[in-house]
C-alpha atoms as a PDB file:
ATOM      1  CA  UNK A   1     -33.393 -11.044  56.764  1.00  0.00           C
ATOM      2  CA  UNK A   2     -31.118  -8.569  54.983  1.00  0.00           C
ATOM      3  CA  UNK A   3     -32.860  -8.232  51.604  1.00  0.00           C
ATOM      4  CA  UNK A   4     -30.009  -6.171  50.141  1.00  0.00           C
ATOM      5  CA  UNK A   5     -27.607  -9.008  50.973  1.00  0.00           C
ATOM      6  CA  UNK A   6     -30.005 -11.546  49.438  1.00  0.00           C
ATOM      7  CA  UNK A   7     -30.255  -9.519  46.222  1.00  0.00           C
ATOM      8  CA  UNK A   8     -26.483  -9.067  46.050  1.00  0.00           C
ATOM      9  CA  UNK A   9     -25.962 -12.801  46.614  1.00  0.00           C
ATOM     10  CA  UNK A  10     -28.353 -13.663  43.788  1.00  0.00           C
ATOM     11  CA  UNK A  11     -26.633 -11.196  41.456  1.00  0.00           C
ATOM     12  CA  UNK A  12     -23.273 -12.728  42.287  1.00  0.00           C
ATOM     13  CA  UNK A  13     -24.515 -16.297  41.826  1.00  0.00           C
ATOM     14  CA  UNK A  14     -26.264 -15.560  38.525  1.00  0.00           C
ATOM     15  CA  UNK A  15     -23.271 -13.638  37.165  1.00  0.00           C
ATOM     16  CA  UNK A  16     -20.815 -16.358  38.193  1.00  0.00           C
ATOM     17  CA  UNK A  17     -22.952 -19.163  36.754  1.00  0.00           C
ATOM     18  CA  UNK A  18     -23.494 -17.347  33.445  1.00  0.00           C
ATOM     19  CA  UNK A  19     -19.790 -16.554  33.096  1.00  0.00           C
ATOM     20  CA  UNK A  20     -18.778 -20.150  33.830  1.00  0.00           C
ATOM     21  CA  UNK A  21     -21.280 -21.453  31.286  1.00  0.00           C
ATOM     22  CA  UNK A  22     -19.617 -19.318  28.611  1.00  0.00           C
ATOM     23  CA  UNK A  23     -16.028 -19.880  29.748  1.00  0.00           C
ATOM     24  CA  UNK A  24     -16.224 -23.338  31.271  1.00  0.00           C
ATOM     25  CA  UNK A  25     -18.078 -25.202  28.533  1.00  0.00           C
ATOM     26  CA  UNK A  26     -15.371 -24.789  25.841  1.00  0.00           C
ATOM     27  CA  UNK A  27     -12.686 -25.678  28.398  1.00  0.00           C
ATOM     28  CA  UNK A  28     -14.629 -28.748  29.518  1.00  0.00           C
ATOM     29  CA  UNK A  29     -15.147 -29.847  25.910  1.00  0.00           C
ATOM     30  CA  UNK A  30     -11.415 -29.587  25.284  1.00  0.00           C
ATOM     31  CA  UNK A  31     -10.634 -31.574  28.427  1.00  0.00           C
ATOM     32  CA  UNK A  32     -13.173 -34.252  27.484  1.00  0.00           C
ATOM     33  CA  UNK A  33     -11.867 -34.745  23.936  1.00  0.00           C
ATOM     34  CA  UNK A  34      -8.178 -33.866  23.853  1.00  0.00           C
ATOM     35  CA  UNK A  35      -5.180 -36.181  24.019  1.00  0.00           C
ATOM     36  CA  UNK A  36      -2.778 -33.299  24.586  1.00  0.00           C
ATOM     37  CA  UNK A  37       0.009 -33.611  27.123  1.00  0.00           C
ATOM     38  CA  UNK A  38      -1.264 -30.339  28.607  1.00  0.00           C
ATOM     39  CA  UNK A  39      -4.498 -31.973  29.728  1.00  0.00           C
ATOM     40  CA  UNK A  40      -3.196 -33.139  33.122  1.00  0.00           C
ATOM     41  CA  UNK A  41      -1.651 -29.770  34.105  1.00  0.00           C
ATOM     42  CA  UNK A  42      -4.789 -27.905  33.007  1.00  0.00           C
ATOM     43  CA  UNK A  43      -7.007 -30.309  34.986  1.00  0.00           C
ATOM     44  CA  UNK A  44      -4.801 -29.755  38.030  1.00  0.00           C
ATOM     45  CA  UNK A  45      -5.092 -25.965  37.698  1.00  0.00           C
ATOM     46  CA  UNK A  46      -8.860 -26.191  37.315  1.00  0.00           C
ATOM     47  CA  UNK A  47      -9.143 -28.372  40.431  1.00  0.00           C
ATOM     48  CA  UNK A  48      -6.796 -26.221  42.523  1.00  0.00           C
ATOM     49  CA  UNK A  49      -9.577 -24.206  44.258  1.00  0.00           C
ATOM     50  CA  UNK A  50     -10.980 -27.488  45.598  1.00  0.00           C
ATOM     51  CA  UNK A  51      -7.921 -28.066  47.786  1.00  0.00           C
ATOM     52  CA  UNK A  52      -6.765 -24.505  48.490  1.00  0.00           C
ATOM     53  CA  UNK A  53      -8.241 -22.622  51.450  1.00  0.00           C
ATOM     54  CA  UNK A  54     -10.397 -19.723  50.220  1.00  0.00           C
ATOM     55  CA  UNK A  55      -8.135 -17.326  52.114  1.00  0.00           C
ATOM     56  CA  UNK A  56      -5.132 -18.412  50.026  1.00  0.00           C
ATOM     57  CA  UNK A  57      -6.965 -17.818  46.761  1.00  0.00           C
ATOM     58  CA  UNK A  58      -8.263 -14.507  48.105  1.00  0.00           C
ATOM     59  CA  UNK A  59      -4.765 -13.453  49.186  1.00  0.00           C
ATOM     60  CA  UNK A  60      -3.223 -14.069  45.763  1.00  0.00           C
ATOM     61  CA  UNK A  61      -6.188 -12.373  44.094  1.00  0.00           C
ATOM     62  CA  UNK A  62      -5.614  -9.297  46.263  1.00  0.00           C
ATOM     63  CA  UNK A  63      -1.908  -9.305  45.467  1.00  0.00           C
ATOM     64  CA  UNK A  64      -2.590  -9.518  41.726  1.00  0.00           C
ATOM     65  CA  UNK A  65      -5.416  -6.985  41.549  1.00  0.00           C
ATOM     66  CA  UNK A  66      -4.331  -4.509  44.232  1.00  0.00           C
ATOM     67  CA  UNK A  67      -2.652  -1.172  43.435  1.00  0.00           C
ATOM     68  CA  UNK A  68       0.816  -2.761  43.284  1.00  0.00           C
ATOM     69  CA  UNK A  69      -0.232  -5.907  41.406  1.00  0.00           C
ATOM     70  CA  UNK A  70       0.085  -6.393  37.624  1.00  0.00           C
ATOM     71  CA  UNK A  71      -3.671  -6.593  37.086  1.00  0.00           C
ATOM     72  CA  UNK A  72      -4.309  -3.755  39.533  1.00  0.00           C
ATOM     73  CA  UNK A  73      -1.928  -1.402  37.730  1.00  0.00           C
ATOM     74  CA  UNK A  74      -3.639  -2.207  34.437  1.00  0.00           C
ATOM     75  CA  UNK A  75      -7.189  -1.680  35.735  1.00  0.00           C
ATOM     76  CA  UNK A  76      -6.162   1.537  37.457  1.00  0.00           C
ATOM     77  CA  UNK A  77      -4.601   2.841  34.250  1.00  0.00           C
ATOM     78  CA  UNK A  78      -7.663   1.993  32.161  1.00  0.00           C
ATOM     79  CA  UNK A  79     -10.571   2.509  34.575  1.00  0.00           C
ATOM     80  CA  UNK A  80      -9.069   4.560  37.374  1.00  0.00           C
ATOM     81  CA  UNK A  81      -9.870   1.909  40.012  1.00  0.00           C
ATOM     82  CA  UNK A  82      -8.776  -1.502  41.250  1.00  0.00           C
ATOM     83  CA  UNK A  83     -10.937  -4.593  41.700  1.00  0.00           C
ATOM     84  CA  UNK A  84     -10.711  -5.319  45.456  1.00  0.00           C
ATOM     85  CA  UNK A  85     -13.698  -4.186  47.547  1.00  0.00           C
ATOM     86  CA  UNK A  86     -15.934  -3.836  44.487  1.00  0.00           C
ATOM     87  CA  UNK A  87     -18.694  -6.018  43.052  1.00  0.00           C
ATOM     88  CA  UNK A  88     -16.719  -6.743  39.829  1.00  0.00           C
ATOM     89  CA  UNK A  89     -13.852  -7.838  42.064  1.00  0.00           C
ATOM     90  CA  UNK A  90     -15.868 -10.379  44.043  1.00  0.00           C
ATOM     91  CA  UNK A  91     -17.510 -11.533  40.800  1.00  0.00           C
ATOM     92  CA  UNK A  92     -14.130 -12.283  39.209  1.00  0.00           C
ATOM     93  CA  UNK A  93     -12.889 -13.977  42.385  1.00  0.00           C
ATOM     94  CA  UNK A  94     -16.079 -16.037  42.521  1.00  0.00           C
ATOM     95  CA  UNK A  95     -15.594 -17.161  38.912  1.00  0.00           C
ATOM     96  CA  UNK A  96     -12.072 -18.354  39.679  1.00  0.00           C
ATOM     97  CA  UNK A  97     -13.111 -20.071  42.896  1.00  0.00           C
ATOM     98  CA  UNK A  98     -16.102 -21.834  41.342  1.00  0.00           C
ATOM     99  CA  UNK A  99     -14.318 -22.939  38.177  1.00  0.00           C
ATOM    100  CA  UNK A 100     -13.968 -26.617  39.203  1.00  0.00           C
ATOM    101  CA  UNK A 101     -17.602 -26.822  40.327  1.00  0.00           C
ATOM    102  CA  UNK A 102     -18.657 -26.085  36.748  1.00  0.00           C
ATOM    103  CA  UNK A 103     -15.862 -27.528  34.607  1.00  0.00           C
ATOM    104  CA  UNK A 104     -15.559 -30.934  36.288  1.00  0.00           C
ATOM    105  CA  UNK A 105     -19.279 -31.865  35.937  1.00  0.00           C
ATOM    106  CA  UNK A 106     -19.263 -30.426  32.409  1.00  0.00           C
ATOM    107  CA  UNK A 107     -16.235 -32.545  31.499  1.00  0.00           C
ATOM    108  CA  UNK A 108     -17.739 -35.721  32.962  1.00  0.00           C
ATOM    109  CA  UNK A 109     -21.022 -35.179  31.098  1.00  0.00           C
ATOM    110  CA  UNK A 110     -19.312 -34.459  27.774  1.00  0.00           C
ATOM    111  CA  UNK A 111     -16.927 -37.402  28.155  1.00  0.00           C
ATOM    112  CA  UNK A 112     -19.916 -39.780  28.456  1.00  0.00           C
ATOM    113  CA  UNK A 113     -21.170 -38.810  24.996  1.00  0.00           C
ATOM    114  CA  UNK A 114     -21.009 -41.777  22.623  1.00  0.00           C
ATOM    115  CA  UNK A 115     -18.073 -41.033  20.328  1.00  0.00           C
ATOM    116  CA  UNK A 116     -19.640 -43.108  17.547  1.00  0.00           C
ATOM    117  CA  UNK A 117     -22.590 -40.731  17.302  1.00  0.00           C
ATOM    118  CA  UNK A 118     -20.259 -37.754  17.045  1.00  0.00           C
ATOM    119  CA  UNK A 119     -18.217 -39.428  14.294  1.00  0.00           C
ATOM    120  CA  UNK A 120     -21.394 -40.433  12.468  1.00  0.00           C
ATOM    121  CA  UNK A 121     -22.465 -36.785  12.470  1.00  0.00           C
ATOM    122  CA  UNK A 122     -19.124 -35.797  10.983  1.00  0.00           C
ATOM    123  CA  UNK A 123     -19.450 -38.471   8.296  1.00  0.00           C
ATOM    124  CA  UNK A 124     -22.860 -37.077   7.363  1.00  0.00           C
ATOM    125  CA  UNK A 125     -21.266 -33.706   6.666  1.00  0.00           C
ATOM    126  CA  UNK A 126     -22.022 -31.803   9.866  1.00  0.00           C
ATOM    127  CA  UNK A 127     -19.270 -29.520  11.127  1.00  0.00           C
ATOM    128  CA  UNK A 128     -17.857 -29.604  14.630  1.00  0.00           C
ATOM    129  CA  UNK A 129     -20.026 -26.745  15.880  1.00  0.00           C
ATOM    130  CA  UNK A 130     -23.185 -28.227  14.355  1.00  0.00           C
ATOM    131  CA  UNK A 131     -22.334 -31.638  15.815  1.00  0.00           C
ATOM    132  CA  UNK A 132     -21.788 -30.138  19.235  1.00  0.00           C
ATOM    133  CA  UNK A 133     -25.103 -28.301  19.070  1.00  0.00           C
ATOM    134  CA  UNK A 134     -27.200 -31.139  17.612  1.00  0.00           C
ATOM    135  CA  UNK A 135     -25.556 -34.258  19.096  1.00  0.00           C
ATOM    136  CA  UNK A 136     -23.298 -33.532  22.075  1.00  0.00           C
ATOM    137  CA  UNK A 137     -25.441 -30.989  23.901  1.00  0.00           C
ATOM    138  CA  UNK A 138     -28.738 -32.967  23.720  1.00  0.00           C
ATOM    139  CA  UNK A 139     -26.980 -36.084  25.022  1.00  0.00           C
ATOM    140  CA  UNK A 140     -25.128 -34.395  27.865  1.00  0.00           C
ATOM    141  CA  UNK A 141     -27.574 -31.714  29.017  1.00  0.00           C
ATOM    142  CA  UNK A 142     -28.487 -33.328  32.394  1.00  0.00           C
ATOM    143  CA  UNK A 143     -24.844 -33.284  33.468  1.00  0.00           C
ATOM    144  CA  UNK A 144     -24.376 -29.743  32.214  1.00  0.00           C
ATOM    145  CA  UNK A 145     -27.444 -28.522  34.102  1.00  0.00           C
ATOM    146  CA  UNK A 146     -26.215 -30.316  37.228  1.00  0.00           C
ATOM    147  CA  UNK A 147     -22.923 -28.432  36.949  1.00  0.00           C
ATOM    148  CA  UNK A 148     -24.725 -25.103  36.607  1.00  0.00           C
ATOM    149  CA  UNK A 149     -26.989 -25.818  39.575  1.00  0.00           C
ATOM    150  CA  UNK A 150     -24.040 -26.914  41.704  1.00  0.00           C
ATOM    151  CA  UNK A 151     -22.098 -23.782  40.748  1.00  0.00           C
ATOM    152  CA  UNK A 152     -25.034 -21.514  41.571  1.00  0.00           C
ATOM    153  CA  UNK A 153     -25.594 -23.181  44.942  1.00  0.00           C
ATOM    154  CA  UNK A 154     -21.919 -23.084  45.901  1.00  0.00           C
ATOM    155  CA  UNK A 155     -21.738 -19.410  44.989  1.00  0.00           C
ATOM    156  CA  UNK A 156     -24.754 -18.610  47.171  1.00  0.00           C
ATOM    157  CA  UNK A 157     -22.906 -19.997  50.196  1.00  0.00           C
ATOM    158  CA  UNK A 158     -19.507 -18.405  49.549  1.00  0.00           C
ATOM    159  CA  UNK A 159     -17.841 -16.708  52.483  1.00  0.00           C
ATOM    160  CA  UNK A 160     -14.035 -16.794  52.632  1.00  0.00           C
ATOM    161  CA  UNK A 161     -13.164 -15.565  49.153  1.00  0.00           C
ATOM    162  CA  UNK A 162     -15.843 -12.867  49.169  1.00  0.00           C
ATOM    163  CA  UNK A 163     -14.766 -11.590  52.585  1.00  0.00           C
ATOM    164  CA  UNK A 164     -11.074 -11.551  51.617  1.00  0.00           C
ATOM    165  CA  UNK A 165     -11.586  -9.798  48.291  1.00  0.00           C
ATOM    166  CA  UNK A 166     -14.626  -7.628  48.955  1.00  0.00           C
ATOM    167  CA  UNK A 167     -14.685  -7.017  52.672  1.00  0.00           C
ATOM    168  CA  UNK A 168     -18.058  -6.223  54.175  1.00  0.00           C
ATOM    169  CA  UNK A 169     -19.570  -3.233  52.385  1.00  0.00           C
ATOM    170  CA  UNK A 170     -23.394  -3.138  52.564  1.00  0.00           C
ATOM    171  CA  UNK A 171     -24.979  -3.074  49.122  1.00  0.00           C
ATOM    172  CA  UNK A 172     -21.619  -3.620  47.402  1.00  0.00           C
ATOM    173  CA  UNK A 173     -19.919  -6.766  48.705  1.00  0.00           C
ATOM    174  CA  UNK A 174     -22.008  -7.854  51.726  1.00  0.00           C
ATOM    175  CA  UNK A 175     -23.487 -11.213  50.719  1.00  0.00           C
ATOM    176  CA  UNK A 176     -25.929 -13.343  52.694  1.00  0.00           C
ATOM    177  CA  UNK A 177     -23.246 -15.520  54.275  1.00  0.00           C
ATOM    178  CA  UNK A 178     -21.395 -12.423  55.489  1.00  0.00           C
ATOM    179  CA  UNK A 179     -24.677 -10.996  56.788  1.00  0.00           C
ATOM    180  CA  UNK A 180     -25.160 -14.161  58.867  1.00  0.00           C
ATOM    181  CA  UNK A 181     -21.645 -13.770  60.260  1.00  0.00           C
ATOM    182  CA  UNK A 182     -22.404 -10.145  61.176  1.00  0.00           C
ATOM    183  CA  UNK A 183     -25.661 -11.142  62.881  1.00  0.00           C
ATOM    184  CA  UNK A 184     -23.839 -13.719  64.992  1.00  0.00           C
ATOM    185  CA  UNK A 185     -21.153 -11.185  65.911  1.00  0.00           C
ATOM    186  CA  UNK A 186     -23.926  -8.796  66.964  1.00  0.00           C
ATOM    187  CA  UNK A 187     -25.617 -11.604  68.979  1.00  0.00           C
ATOM    188  CA  UNK A 188     -28.709 -11.306  66.789  1.00  0.00           C
ATOM    189  CA  UNK A 189     -29.283 -15.041  66.702  1.00  0.00           C
ATOM    190  CA  UNK A 190     -32.877 -14.740  65.484  1.00  0.00           C
ATOM    191  CA  UNK A 191     -31.857 -12.993  62.258  1.00  0.00           C
ATOM    192  CA  UNK A 192     -28.874 -15.311  61.803  1.00  0.00           C
ATOM    193  CA  UNK A 193     -31.050 -18.381  62.341  1.00  0.00           C
ATOM    194  CA  UNK A 194     -33.649 -17.210  59.843  1.00  0.00           C
ATOM    195  CA  UNK A 195     -31.067 -16.634  57.115  1.00  0.00           C
ATOM    196  CA  UNK A 196     -29.195 -19.839  57.944  1.00  0.00           C
ATOM    197  CA  UNK A 197     -32.388 -21.899  57.795  1.00  0.00           C
ATOM    198  CA  UNK A 198     -33.134 -20.449  54.358  1.00  0.00           C
ATOM    199  CA  UNK A 199     -29.690 -21.478  53.131  1.00  0.00           C
ATOM    200  CA  UNK A 200     -30.084 -24.989  54.553  1.00  0.00           C
ATOM    201  CA  UNK A 201     -33.431 -25.439  52.785  1.00  0.00           C
ATOM    202  CA  UNK A 202     -31.945 -24.091  49.555  1.00  0.00           C
ATOM    203  CA  UNK A 203     -28.958 -26.451  49.806  1.00  0.00           C
ATOM    204  CA  UNK A 204     -31.193 -29.502  50.333  1.00  0.00           C
ATOM    205  CA  UNK A 205     -33.310 -28.634  47.293  1.00  0.00           C
ATOM    206  CA  UNK A 206     -30.191 -28.167  45.179  1.00  0.00           C
ATOM    207  CA  UNK A 207     -28.661 -31.484  46.279  1.00  0.00           C
ATOM    208  CA  UNK A 208     -31.858 -33.372  45.459  1.00  0.00           C
ATOM    209  CA  UNK A 209     -32.021 -31.697  42.049  1.00  0.00           C
ATOM    210  CA  UNK A 210     -28.368 -32.440  41.263  1.00  0.00           C
ATOM    211  CA  UNK A 211     -28.769 -36.076  42.335  1.00  0.00           C
ATOM    212  CA  UNK A 212     -31.803 -36.483  40.066  1.00  0.00           C
ATOM    213  CA  UNK A 213     -29.984 -34.911  37.135  1.00  0.00           C
ATOM    214  CA  UNK A 214     -26.924 -37.127  37.658  1.00  0.00           C
ATOM    215  CA  UNK A 215     -29.093 -40.259  37.715  1.00  0.00           C
ATOM    216  CA  UNK A 216     -30.800 -39.151  34.515  1.00  0.00           C
ATOM    217  CA  UNK A 217     -27.452 -38.450  32.882  1.00  0.00           C
ATOM    218  CA  UNK A 218     -26.139 -41.887  33.906  1.00  0.00           C
ATOM    219  CA  UNK A 219     -29.212 -43.611  32.477  1.00  0.00           C
ATOM    220  CA  UNK A 220     -28.819 -41.651  29.258  1.00  0.00           C
END
């Protein structure tokens, strides 16, 4: 098994999951509590990666962040480089692609919080941040953890977006799924089978964990 690819995959999954915890939780809280007319369009944008082929998302990411794209011109002016075919590039693409896998479970968990308990906390003088920390989070944590686990697992198995945005550079953008593809292309079925079996076992463990967390959240 390609240990460099395994390490890179773990770095990518941890970075994506951490970023979506910070960015996705406020967005999910807004979606779960707002009555704004912008809620439906924002939900549609968040869910877009679920229905788009990874190659489409990767194509538009390349167009935006390449040398002739608006983001690419900005990054080249500030840092002297563009994002495609770099680890920061595949990390940003992974965050965009995995957004619905974090935000949708977060939103569902937060929406199940008993509104009466939140309002009671406000009546007792607690602010919104204190109420979120002391009431909302303890009540919705199984669903939030399920979203994080699902995001991490989905990121571990990413292929299309990473290949489109990062290519296949060993130690830089070559993740485990791309390493399996390379092994198959090289007819090294033993190495491909070993890595694939590891991913299958990992996926089964994650699905069992997510199912248990969802049942616990529903009971709560």
